[in-house]
Amino acid sequence: MVAAVVLAAGAGSRFGGPKQALLLPEVLRRVRESSVDDVLVVTGAHPLETDARVVRSPDWELGPGASLRCGLAALDEDVEAGVVVLADGPDLSPAAVDRVVAAWRSGAGEIVAASYGGDRGHPVVLGRSVWSRIPDEGARALEPVLVPCDDLGSPGDVDIADEIPGRLRGESAK
């Protein structure tokens, strides 16, 4: 069984507030279009309204690793791997999730990450055997096997309001 852990615990200080409230529905829609068996959202700085299962990270201020550890610990015992997804990546391709999960399933490694233009990105698959090694800075500190996902487009990384895709702000396509 493979479960997605959607990290939505940050304060959104550069954004000026809880950007997760705006972006999470789209991220969840896309994750649910993938082949994952379960979805868990990790909150922290801000409570969030969502139809997904939620766990609050009491130590979210320590860094993304604390929130990730909290989410992984909340997964069911039969979960073999967690797919790390960021709540501020509204352009996540469900096919990217499926591609990194397939690479993990085929034995590529216990840490498998999507890459875009040769740069490591999300989603990231973490086999259960590495969960205890997550430092406070998060899975970024662990060396992954990279799976090219250039053809699927980057999931995005919204840090300020101007970076929110127009479709999520209610703008029509031109």
C-alpha atoms as a PDB file:
ATOM      1  CA  MET A   1       0.000   0.000   0.000  1.00  0.00           C
ATOM      2  CA  VAL A   2       1.236   3.497  -0.877  1.00  0.00           C
ATOM      3  CA  ALA A   3      -0.107   6.643   0.798  1.00  0.00           C
ATOM      4  CA  ALA A   4       0.377  10.305  -0.045  1.00  0.00           C
ATOM      5  CA  VAL A   5       1.512  12.647   2.715  1.00  0.00           C
ATOM      6  CA  VAL A   6       0.574  16.206   1.776  1.00  0.00           C
ATOM      7  CA  LEU A   7       2.632  18.709   3.741  1.00  0.00           C
ATOM      8  CA  ALA A   8       0.509  21.754   4.600  1.00  0.00           C
ATOM      9  CA  ALA A   9       1.977  22.745   7.962  1.00  0.00           C
ATOM     10  CA  GLY A  10       3.928  25.925   7.197  1.00  0.00           C
ATOM     11  CA  ALA A  11       2.994  29.418   8.297  1.00  0.00           C
ATOM     12  CA  GLY A  12       3.027  30.870   4.777  1.00  0.00           C
ATOM     13  CA  SER A  13       5.006  33.878   6.016  1.00  0.00           C
ATOM     14  CA  ARG A  14       6.249  34.924   2.545  1.00  0.00           C
ATOM     15  CA  PHE A  15       2.710  34.544   1.242  1.00  0.00           C
ATOM     16  CA  GLY A  16       1.239  36.510   4.138  1.00  0.00           C
ATOM     17  CA  GLY A  17      -1.033  33.786   5.503  1.00  0.00           C
ATOM     18  CA  PRO A  18      -2.364  30.271   5.040  1.00  0.00           C
ATOM     19  CA  LYS A  19      -1.807  29.698   1.323  1.00  0.00           C
ATOM     20  CA  GLN A  20      -2.671  26.039   1.911  1.00  0.00           C
ATOM     21  CA  ALA A  21      -6.337  26.997   2.298  1.00  0.00           C
ATOM     22  CA  LEU A  22      -6.326  28.207  -1.328  1.00  0.00           C
ATOM     23  CA  LEU A  23      -4.087  25.570  -2.877  1.00  0.00           C
ATOM     24  CA  LEU A  24      -4.880  22.357  -0.995  1.00  0.00           C
ATOM     25  CA  PRO A  25      -8.151  21.491  -2.798  1.00  0.00           C
ATOM     26  CA  GLU A  26      -6.385  21.472  -6.198  1.00  0.00           C
ATOM     27  CA  VAL A  27      -3.409  19.511  -4.868  1.00  0.00           C
ATOM     28  CA  LEU A  28      -5.735  16.928  -3.296  1.00  0.00           C
ATOM     29  CA  ARG A  29      -7.742  16.622  -6.513  1.00  0.00           C
ATOM     30  CA  ARG A  30      -4.577  15.840  -8.424  1.00  0.00           C
ATOM     31  CA  VAL A  31      -3.206  13.409  -5.827  1.00  0.00           C
ATOM     32  CA  ARG A  32      -6.524  11.546  -5.846  1.00  0.00           C
ATOM     33  CA  GLU A  33      -6.272  11.169  -9.636  1.00  0.00           C
ATOM     34  CA  SER A  34      -3.069   9.192  -9.110  1.00  0.00           C
ATOM     35  CA  SER A  35      -2.687   5.575  -8.042  1.00  0.00           C
ATOM     36  CA  VAL A  36      -2.070   6.215  -4.325  1.00  0.00           C
ATOM     37  CA  ASP A  37      -4.183   4.158  -1.933  1.00  0.00           C
ATOM     38  CA  ASP A  38      -4.664   6.784   0.779  1.00  0.00           C
ATOM     39  CA  VAL A  39      -4.136  10.513   1.377  1.00  0.00           C
ATOM     40  CA  LEU A  40      -3.112  12.235   4.612  1.00  0.00           C
ATOM     41  CA  VAL A  41      -2.710  15.987   5.100  1.00  0.00           C
ATOM     42  CA  VAL A  42      -0.291  17.296   7.721  1.00  0.00           C
ATOM     43  CA  THR A  43      -1.243  20.678   9.183  1.00  0.00           C
ATOM     44  CA  GLY A  44       0.584  22.824  11.683  1.00  0.00           C
ATOM     45  CA  ALA A  45       0.538  26.615  11.753  1.00  0.00           C
ATOM     46  CA  HIS A  46      -3.043  26.922  10.521  1.00  0.00           C
ATOM     47  CA  PRO A  47      -6.103  24.699  10.858  1.00  0.00           C
ATOM     48  CA  LEU A  48      -7.479  23.669   7.479  1.00  0.00           C
ATOM     49  CA  GLU A  49     -10.915  22.634   6.312  1.00  0.00           C
ATOM     50  CA  THR A  50     -10.608  19.567   4.091  1.00  0.00           C
ATOM     51  CA  ASP A  51     -12.339  16.295   3.361  1.00  0.00           C
ATOM     52  CA  ALA A  52      -9.010  14.448   3.646  1.00  0.00           C
ATOM     53  CA  ARG A  53      -7.734  12.742   6.762  1.00  0.00           C
ATOM     54  CA  VAL A  54      -5.686  15.273   8.749  1.00  0.00           C
ATOM     55  CA  VAL A  55      -2.995  15.056  11.409  1.00  0.00           C
ATOM     56  CA  ARG A  56      -1.580  18.150  13.117  1.00  0.00           C
ATOM     57  CA  SER A  57       2.171  18.374  13.577  1.00  0.00           C
ATOM     58  CA  PRO A  58       2.832  19.917  16.999  1.00  0.00           C
ATOM     59  CA  ASP A  59       6.491  20.464  16.060  1.00  0.00           C
ATOM     60  CA  TRP A  60       5.949  22.001  12.615  1.00  0.00           C
ATOM     61  CA  GLU A  61       8.176  24.982  13.508  1.00  0.00           C
ATOM     62  CA  LEU A  62      11.217  22.662  13.666  1.00  0.00           C
ATOM     63  CA  GLY A  63      11.091  22.298   9.895  1.00  0.00           C
ATOM     64  CA  PRO A  64       9.466  20.237   7.176  1.00  0.00           C
ATOM     65  CA  GLY A  65      11.093  17.065   8.505  1.00  0.00           C
ATOM     66  CA  ALA A  66       9.150  17.303  11.754  1.00  0.00           C
ATOM     67  CA  SER A  67       5.881  17.575   9.834  1.00  0.00           C
ATOM     68  CA  LEU A  68       6.888  14.751   7.504  1.00  0.00           C
ATOM     69  CA  ARG A  69       7.819  12.477  10.424  1.00  0.00           C
ATOM     70  CA  CYS A  70       4.456  13.248  12.024  1.00  0.00           C
ATOM     71  CA  GLY A  71       2.606  12.353   8.822  1.00  0.00           C
ATOM     72  CA  LEU A  72       4.551   9.155   8.214  1.00  0.00           C
ATOM     73  CA  ALA A  73       3.976   8.048  11.817  1.00  0.00           C
ATOM     74  CA  ALA A  74       0.225   8.520  11.333  1.00  0.00           C
ATOM     75  CA  LEU A  75       0.058   6.165   8.337  1.00  0.00           C
ATOM     76  CA  ASP A  76      -1.403   2.690   8.731  1.00  0.00           C
ATOM     77  CA  GLU A  77       0.950  -0.213   9.451  1.00  0.00           C
ATOM     78  CA  ASP A  78       0.330  -1.768   6.039  1.00  0.00           C
ATOM     79  CA  VAL A  79       1.640   1.311   4.184  1.00  0.00           C
ATOM     80  CA  GLU A  80       4.916   0.372   2.508  1.00  0.00           C
ATOM     81  CA  ALA A  81       5.809   3.805   1.150  1.00  0.00           C
ATOM     82  CA  GLY A  82       4.801   7.425   1.520  1.00  0.00           C
ATOM     83  CA  VAL A  83       4.590   9.841  -1.395  1.00  0.00           C
ATOM     84  CA  VAL A  84       5.574  13.304  -0.202  1.00  0.00           C
ATOM     85  CA  VAL A  85       3.593  16.090  -1.860  1.00  0.00           C
ATOM     86  CA  LEU A  86       3.677  19.798  -1.042  1.00  0.00           C
ATOM     87  CA  ALA A  87       0.427  21.692  -0.546  1.00  0.00           C
ATOM     88  CA  ASP A  88       1.848  24.674  -2.444  1.00  0.00           C
ATOM     89  CA  GLY A  89       2.355  22.799  -5.727  1.00  0.00           C
ATOM     90  CA  PRO A  90      -0.999  23.210  -7.506  1.00  0.00           C
ATOM     91  CA  ASP A  91       0.299  22.032 -10.894  1.00  0.00           C
ATOM     92  CA  LEU A  92       1.278  18.560  -9.652  1.00  0.00           C
ATOM     93  CA  SER A  93       0.737  15.972 -12.355  1.00  0.00           C
ATOM     94  CA  PRO A  94      -0.988  12.776 -11.189  1.00  0.00           C
ATOM     95  CA  ALA A  95       1.210  11.019 -13.758  1.00  0.00           C
ATOM     96  CA  ALA A  96       4.334  12.241 -11.914  1.00  0.00           C
ATOM     97  CA  VAL A  97       3.038  10.587  -8.745  1.00  0.00           C
ATOM     98  CA  ASP A  98       2.394   7.382 -10.669  1.00  0.00           C
ATOM     99  CA  ARG A  99       5.811   7.535 -12.351  1.00  0.00           C
ATOM    100  CA  VAL A 100       7.815   7.840  -9.121  1.00  0.00           C
ATOM    101  CA  VAL A 101       5.674   5.194  -7.409  1.00  0.00           C
ATOM    102  CA  ALA A 102       6.239   2.828 -10.363  1.00  0.00           C
ATOM    103  CA  ALA A 103      10.007   3.421 -10.152  1.00  0.00           C
ATOM    104  CA  TRP A 104       9.940   2.677  -6.416  1.00  0.00           C
ATOM    105  CA  ARG A 105       7.841  -0.467  -6.982  1.00  0.00           C
ATOM    106  CA  SER A 106      10.295  -1.667  -9.645  1.00  0.00           C
ATOM    107  CA  GLY A 107      13.188  -1.452  -7.181  1.00  0.00           C
ATOM    108  CA  ALA A 108      14.792   1.840  -8.216  1.00  0.00           C
ATOM    109  CA  GLY A 109      15.510   2.654  -4.574  1.00  0.00           C
ATOM    110  CA  GLU A 110      13.945   3.470  -1.214  1.00  0.00           C
ATOM    111  CA  ILE A 111      14.045   7.204  -1.978  1.00  0.00           C
ATOM    112  CA  VAL A 112      12.756   8.198  -5.412  1.00  0.00           C
ATOM    113  CA  ALA A 113      12.103  11.779  -6.508  1.00  0.00           C
ATOM    114  CA  ALA A 114      10.728  13.411  -9.614  1.00  0.00           C
ATOM    115  CA  SER A 115      13.141  15.664 -11.474  1.00  0.00           C
ATOM    116  CA  TYR A 116      12.438  18.572 -13.776  1.00  0.00           C
ATOM    117  CA  GLY A 117      15.235  19.834 -16.015  1.00  0.00           C
ATOM    118  CA  GLY A 118      17.628  17.678 -14.011  1.00  0.00           C
ATOM    119  CA  ASP A 119      16.649  19.343 -10.728  1.00  0.00           C
ATOM    120  CA  ARG A 120      15.140  17.340  -7.892  1.00  0.00           C
ATOM    121  CA  GLY A 121      11.498  18.109  -7.203  1.00  0.00           C
ATOM    122  CA  HIS A 122       8.255  16.586  -5.965  1.00  0.00           C
ATOM    123  CA  PRO A 123       6.699  14.156  -5.542  1.00  0.00           C
ATOM    124  CA  VAL A 124       9.156  12.056  -3.536  1.00  0.00           C
ATOM    125  CA  VAL A 125       8.562   8.422  -2.587  1.00  0.00           C
ATOM    126  CA  LEU A 126       9.998   7.233   0.716  1.00  0.00           C
ATOM    127  CA  GLY A 127      10.043   3.520   1.433  1.00  0.00           C
ATOM    128  CA  ARG A 128       9.207   2.646   5.038  1.00  0.00           C
ATOM    129  CA  SER A 129      12.834   1.627   5.703  1.00  0.00           C
ATOM    130  CA  VAL A 130      13.977   5.288   5.504  1.00  0.00           C
ATOM    131  CA  TRP A 131      11.228   6.928   7.554  1.00  0.00           C
ATOM    132  CA  SER A 132      13.317   6.924  10.742  1.00  0.00           C
ATOM    133  CA  ARG A 133      16.117   8.810   8.945  1.00  0.00           C
ATOM    134  CA  ILE A 134      14.128  11.988   8.166  1.00  0.00           C
ATOM    135  CA  PRO A 135      15.994  15.007   9.644  1.00  0.00           C
ATOM    136  CA  ASP A 136      14.338  18.321  10.551  1.00  0.00           C
ATOM    137  CA  GLU A 137      15.221  19.799   7.154  1.00  0.00           C
ATOM    138  CA  GLY A 138      13.121  17.061   5.572  1.00  0.00           C
ATOM    139  CA  ALA A 139      13.623  14.449   2.890  1.00  0.00           C
ATOM    140  CA  ARG A 140      15.659  16.959   0.863  1.00  0.00           C
ATOM    141  CA  ALA A 141      18.616  15.908   3.023  1.00  0.00           C
ATOM    142  CA  LEU A 142      18.366  12.325   1.702  1.00  0.00           C
ATOM    143  CA  GLU A 143      19.853  11.303  -1.643  1.00  0.00           C
ATOM    144  CA  PRO A 144      17.170  10.038  -4.052  1.00  0.00           C
ATOM    145  CA  VAL A 145      17.095   8.189  -7.322  1.00  0.00           C
ATOM    146  CA  LEU A 146      15.808  10.789  -9.783  1.00  0.00           C
ATOM    147  CA  VAL A 147      13.002   9.994 -12.199  1.00  0.00           C
ATOM    148  CA  PRO A 148      12.710  12.494 -15.079  1.00  0.00           C
ATOM    149  CA  CYS A 149       9.257  14.080 -15.263  1.00  0.00           C
ATOM    150  CA  ASP A 150      10.085  16.993 -17.562  1.00  0.00           C
ATOM    151  CA  ASP A 151       7.318  16.024 -19.962  1.00  0.00           C
ATOM    152  CA  LEU A 152       4.725  16.328 -17.173  1.00  0.00           C
ATOM    153  CA  GLY A 153       5.549  19.851 -16.028  1.00  0.00           C
ATOM    154  CA  SER A 154       6.727  20.982 -12.620  1.00  0.00           C
ATOM    155  CA  PRO A 155       4.219  20.931  -9.736  1.00  0.00           C
ATOM    156  CA  GLY A 156       4.942  24.594  -9.034  1.00  0.00           C
ATOM    157  CA  ASP A 157       5.907  26.239  -5.775  1.00  0.00           C
ATOM    158  CA  VAL A 158       3.658  29.097  -4.712  1.00  0.00           C
ATOM    159  CA  ASP A 159       5.385  31.438  -2.274  1.00  0.00           C
ATOM    160  CA  ILE A 160       3.581  34.717  -3.033  1.00  0.00           C
ATOM    161  CA  ALA A 161       0.043  35.518  -4.174  1.00  0.00           C
ATOM    162  CA  ASP A 162       1.148  36.496  -7.694  1.00  0.00           C
ATOM    163  CA  GLU A 163       2.334  32.902  -8.249  1.00  0.00           C
ATOM    164  CA  ILE A 164      -1.135  31.392  -7.806  1.00  0.00           C
ATOM    165  CA  PRO A 165      -2.304  30.099 -11.185  1.00  0.00           C
ATOM    166  CA  GLY A 166      -5.098  32.221 -12.673  1.00  0.00           C
ATOM    167  CA  ARG A 167      -7.493  29.249 -12.757  1.00  0.00           C
ATOM    168  CA  LEU A 168      -7.295  29.075  -8.964  1.00  0.00           C
ATOM    169  CA  ARG A 169      -7.926  32.821  -8.622  1.00  0.00           C
ATOM    170  CA  GLY A 170     -11.078  32.553 -10.727  1.00  0.00           C
ATOM    171  CA  GLU A 171      -9.542  34.054 -13.860  1.00  0.00           C
ATOM    172  CA  SER A 172     -10.629  32.614 -17.189  1.00  0.00           C
ATOM    173  CA  ALA A 173      -8.080  31.426 -19.734  1.00  0.00           C
ATOM    174  CA  LYS A 174      -7.273  33.882 -22.516  1.00  0.00           C
END
